[in-house]
Amino acid sequence: MTMRGLCAVLLVTAVFVAFVQADDISDRIDRMKAAEEKLEAYQFGKQRLIKTSEEDPGQWMITLEIAKLQQQKKGFIDVTDVPFPISALGDAPVPPPLPDQPQQKQLVQSLNSQLSTDNFRTNVEHLSSYYTRYYTTRSGVQAAEWIYDTLNTYKGARTDIEIQFFNSTWAQPSVIARFIGTVSTDVVITGCHLDSINFGPAGRAPGVDDDASGVVTNLEVFRVLASNNF
């Protein structure tokens, strides 16, 4: 199907939804929003430089071609915005030795009871309600903004916690929450990815386990730590 044909199909879908009798007005609005998201998702004009192996010099691909690689389960890396050869990074540094036992069992156990399964459920349901959280879509940006707002709510009035966006060439920003320490210079990082994918940006991608579960875990741990003056 050509892009013109595809757009025509989506346009007909949107018009059809507008005139079919729905159960209620909110159902009609939801359907129209979904059609709009699909139309946005099929804008495949921008090309990215993609490598499928270390020896591959790279190929310029549109989003649809990249999605086909994903569908075929072919490994690749996007090097469009890498200012130097990946090989120039060299080998990863040797990490420091890790303890053979958790060092803060008593503290962690005292906080575990404050974790809320209701918060886990509510936040997962919200994140999976977006049509997709793909990093080039409007709903992907909205998901990042929701995470930012939620972290700020959990932070409360504390001034020693920073919440900020980290912008890149993609539409969707990353979100960073930082506890500003005063006792130690050690840095502990926990992370997850907030985007989701299903045939590029085109498919419905609730991403409950990829990676909404990771996002809500980080949110809930942050909430408990922030409320206990960590």
Protein backbone atom coordinates (compact mmCIF):
# COMPACT_ATOMS: atom_id res chain seq x y z
CA MET A 1 0.00 0.00 0.00
CA THR A 2 1.35 3.45 -0.91
CA MET A 3 1.65 6.21 1.64
CA ARG A 4 -1.16 8.07 -0.14
CA GLY A 5 -3.33 4.96 0.07
CA LEU A 6 -2.45 4.47 3.71
CA CYS A 7 -3.35 8.04 4.61
CA ALA A 8 -6.62 7.66 2.71
CA VAL A 9 -7.50 4.56 4.70
CA LEU A 10 -6.75 6.31 7.98
CA LEU A 11 -8.73 9.37 6.93
CA VAL A 12 -11.72 7.20 6.06
CA THR A 13 -11.33 5.47 9.43
CA ALA A 14 -11.38 8.80 11.27
CA VAL A 15 -14.48 9.98 9.36
CA PHE A 16 -16.20 6.63 9.93
CA VAL A 17 -15.54 6.81 13.66
CA ALA A 18 -16.93 10.33 13.80
CA PHE A 19 -20.31 9.25 12.41
CA VAL A 20 -20.83 5.78 13.83
CA GLN A 21 -23.04 5.81 16.91
CA ALA A 22 -20.73 5.07 19.89
CA ASP A 23 -21.77 4.15 23.41
CA ASP A 24 -20.94 7.64 24.61
CA ILE A 25 -19.10 10.76 23.55
CA SER A 26 -15.88 9.83 25.38
CA ASP A 27 -15.67 6.58 23.43
CA ARG A 28 -15.93 8.52 20.16
CA ILE A 29 -13.21 10.95 21.28
CA ASP A 30 -10.91 8.08 22.27
CA ARG A 31 -11.35 6.44 18.88
CA MET A 32 -10.60 9.67 17.02
CA LYS A 33 -7.48 10.22 19.11
CA ALA A 34 -6.31 6.69 18.30
CA ALA A 35 -6.80 7.32 14.58
CA GLU A 36 -4.85 10.57 14.86
CA GLU A 37 -1.99 8.79 16.63
CA LYS A 38 -1.87 6.16 13.88
CA LEU A 39 -1.74 8.85 11.20
CA GLU A 40 1.11 10.58 13.04
CA ALA A 41 2.90 7.26 13.49
CA TYR A 42 3.05 6.60 9.74
CA GLN A 43 5.08 9.72 8.96
CA PHE A 44 8.20 7.83 7.91
CA GLY A 45 10.16 10.63 6.23
CA LYS A 46 13.22 11.02 8.47
CA GLN A 47 16.22 8.79 7.81
CA ARG A 48 18.62 7.38 10.40
CA LEU A 49 22.10 5.91 9.97
CA ILE A 50 21.85 2.25 11.03
CA LYS A 51 24.63 -0.32 11.58
CA THR A 52 23.81 -4.03 11.76
CA SER A 53 27.34 -5.16 12.66
CA GLU A 54 30.73 -3.75 13.64
CA GLU A 55 31.90 -4.10 10.02
CA ASP A 56 28.79 -2.49 8.52
CA PRO A 57 29.65 1.09 7.41
CA GLY A 58 26.01 2.02 7.99
CA GLN A 59 22.89 2.43 5.89
CA TRP A 60 20.44 5.33 5.84
CA MET A 61 16.99 3.97 6.63
CA ILE A 62 13.52 5.38 7.13
CA THR A 63 11.46 4.35 10.18
CA LEU A 64 9.54 1.67 8.27
CA GLU A 65 12.79 -0.05 7.23
CA ILE A 66 14.07 0.06 10.81
CA ALA A 67 10.80 -1.44 12.00
CA LYS A 68 11.27 -4.33 9.56
CA LEU A 69 14.67 -5.06 11.13
CA GLN A 70 12.96 -5.22 14.50
CA GLN A 71 10.26 -7.49 13.13
CA GLN A 72 12.95 -9.80 11.70
CA LYS A 73 14.73 -9.75 15.09
CA LYS A 74 17.93 -8.40 13.51
CA GLY A 75 20.29 -6.59 15.85
CA PHE A 76 21.25 -3.02 14.95
CA ILE A 77 22.41 0.27 16.44
CA ASP A 78 21.46 3.82 15.47
CA VAL A 79 24.67 5.84 15.06
CA THR A 80 23.17 8.94 13.46
CA ASP A 81 24.04 11.18 16.39
CA VAL A 82 27.30 9.50 17.45
CA PRO A 83 30.05 12.08 16.80
CA PHE A 84 32.86 9.49 16.70
CA PRO A 85 33.34 5.80 15.83
CA ILE A 86 31.98 3.51 18.52
CA SER A 87 35.29 1.64 18.48
CA ALA A 88 36.96 4.85 19.73
CA LEU A 89 35.31 4.32 23.09
CA GLY A 90 37.65 1.38 23.75
CA ASP A 91 36.99 -1.34 26.28
CA ALA A 92 34.71 -0.73 29.22
CA PRO A 93 36.58 0.02 32.47
CA VAL A 94 36.86 -2.74 35.02
CA PRO A 95 34.21 -2.12 37.71
CA PRO A 96 35.07 -2.15 41.40
CA PRO A 97 34.44 -5.40 43.28
CA LEU A 98 30.89 -5.88 44.50
CA PRO A 99 30.02 -7.03 48.04
CA ASP A 100 28.86 -10.62 48.32
CA GLN A 101 25.97 -9.61 50.59
CA PRO A 102 23.57 -6.61 50.67
CA GLN A 103 24.99 -3.98 52.98
CA GLN A 104 21.80 -2.16 54.01
CA LYS A 105 19.38 -4.99 54.81
CA GLN A 106 17.94 -3.38 57.93
CA LEU A 107 17.26 -0.05 56.21
CA VAL A 108 15.72 -1.65 53.13
CA GLN A 109 13.50 -3.95 55.18
CA SER A 110 12.24 -0.99 57.20
CA LEU A 111 11.16 0.78 53.99
CA ASN A 112 9.68 -2.21 52.13
CA SER A 113 6.39 -2.02 54.04
CA GLN A 114 5.84 1.50 52.70
CA LEU A 115 5.80 0.39 49.06
CA SER A 116 2.25 0.61 47.70
CA THR A 117 0.90 -2.07 45.36
CA ASP A 118 -1.97 0.33 44.59
CA ASN A 119 0.54 2.87 43.29
CA PHE A 120 2.23 0.18 41.17
CA ARG A 121 -1.10 -0.78 39.64
CA THR A 122 -2.40 2.75 39.08
CA ASN A 123 0.83 3.97 37.49
CA VAL A 124 1.15 0.92 35.21
CA GLU A 125 -2.43 1.37 34.08
CA HIS A 126 -1.75 5.02 33.26
CA LEU A 127 1.47 4.35 31.33
CA SER A 128 -0.12 1.53 29.33
CA SER A 129 -3.09 3.73 28.42
CA TYR A 130 -1.03 5.68 25.86
CA TYR A 131 -1.47 4.36 22.31
CA THR A 132 2.32 4.13 22.19
CA ARG A 133 5.25 5.65 24.08
CA TYR A 134 7.49 5.50 21.00
CA TYR A 135 10.16 8.18 21.24
CA THR A 136 9.14 10.13 18.11
CA THR A 137 5.43 10.42 18.91
CA ARG A 138 3.37 13.02 20.72
CA SER A 139 2.08 10.41 23.17
CA GLY A 140 5.69 9.42 23.90
CA VAL A 141 6.39 13.03 24.89
CA GLN A 142 3.22 13.13 27.00
CA ALA A 143 4.35 10.00 28.87
CA ALA A 144 7.67 11.66 29.71
CA GLU A 145 5.86 14.78 30.91
CA TRP A 146 3.61 12.65 33.13
CA ILE A 147 6.65 10.95 34.70
CA TYR A 148 8.23 14.37 35.29
CA ASP A 149 5.06 15.68 36.97
CA THR A 150 4.69 12.54 39.09
CA LEU A 151 8.27 12.79 40.35
CA ASN A 152 7.72 16.42 41.27
CA THR A 153 4.57 15.46 43.19
CA TYR A 154 6.48 12.77 45.10
CA LYS A 155 9.35 15.18 45.73
CA GLY A 156 7.09 17.60 47.58
CA ALA A 157 8.77 20.70 49.01
CA ARG A 158 12.25 19.20 49.20
CA THR A 159 14.92 21.47 47.69
CA ASP A 160 17.69 18.85 47.78
CA ILE A 161 16.06 16.80 45.03
CA GLU A 162 16.35 17.83 41.37
CA ILE A 163 13.94 16.71 38.64
CA GLN A 164 14.87 17.61 35.08
CA PHE A 165 14.39 16.70 31.46
CA PHE A 166 17.33 15.56 29.35
CA ASN A 167 16.65 16.51 25.72
CA SER A 168 18.15 14.86 22.66
CA THR A 169 17.43 14.92 18.94
CA TRP A 170 14.31 12.80 19.57
CA ALA A 171 10.95 14.33 20.44
CA GLN A 172 10.75 12.40 23.70
CA PRO A 173 13.05 13.62 26.49
CA SER A 174 14.52 11.48 29.24
CA VAL A 175 13.65 12.33 32.84
CA ILE A 176 16.31 12.49 35.58
CA ALA A 177 15.65 12.61 39.32
CA ARG A 178 18.67 13.34 41.51
CA PHE A 179 19.07 13.25 45.29
CA ILE A 180 21.83 15.76 46.08
CA GLY A 181 24.02 14.00 48.64
CA THR A 182 26.05 15.64 51.39
CA VAL A 183 27.64 12.72 53.23
CA SER A 184 29.31 10.71 50.46
CA THR A 185 30.56 11.26 46.92
CA ASP A 186 29.39 7.77 45.91
CA VAL A 187 26.85 7.69 43.08
CA VAL A 188 24.13 5.06 42.78
CA ILE A 189 22.10 5.01 39.55
CA THR A 190 18.84 3.17 38.94
CA GLY A 191 17.17 3.36 35.57
CA CYS A 192 14.62 2.10 33.09
CA HIS A 193 13.36 3.08 29.64
CA LEU A 194 10.05 4.87 29.30
CA ASP A 195 9.42 4.34 25.56
CA SER A 196 7.57 1.40 24.02
CA ILE A 197 7.53 -0.07 20.52
CA ASN A 198 5.41 -2.24 18.26
CA PHE A 199 6.43 -2.22 14.59
CA GLY A 200 8.11 1.14 15.00
CA PRO A 201 5.68 3.85 16.10
CA ALA A 202 2.76 2.38 14.17
CA GLY A 203 1.39 -0.38 16.38
CA ARG A 204 -0.46 -0.22 19.67
CA ALA A 205 2.30 -0.47 22.27
CA PRO A 206 1.10 -0.42 25.90
CA GLY A 207 4.51 -1.73 26.98
CA VAL A 208 3.40 -3.02 30.38
CA ASP A 209 6.53 -5.17 30.76
CA ASP A 210 8.63 -3.13 28.32
CA ASP A 211 9.19 -1.11 30.37
CA ALA A 212 6.26 0.36 32.30
CA SER A 213 6.94 -2.12 35.12
CA GLY A 214 10.48 -0.75 35.42
CA VAL A 215 9.25 2.85 35.35
CA VAL A 216 6.70 2.38 38.12
CA THR A 217 9.21 0.48 40.25
CA ASN A 218 11.60 3.42 40.06
CA LEU A 219 8.76 5.86 40.76
CA GLU A 220 7.64 3.98 43.86
CA VAL A 221 11.16 3.55 45.22
CA PHE A 222 11.71 7.29 44.65
CA ARG A 223 8.47 8.14 46.48
CA VAL A 224 9.42 6.08 49.54
CA LEU A 225 12.98 7.41 49.67
CA ALA A 226 11.84 11.02 49.23
CA SER A 227 9.20 10.73 51.95
CA ASN A 228 11.79 9.29 54.38
CA ASN A 229 14.29 12.14 53.95
CA PHE A 230 16.76 9.93 52.15
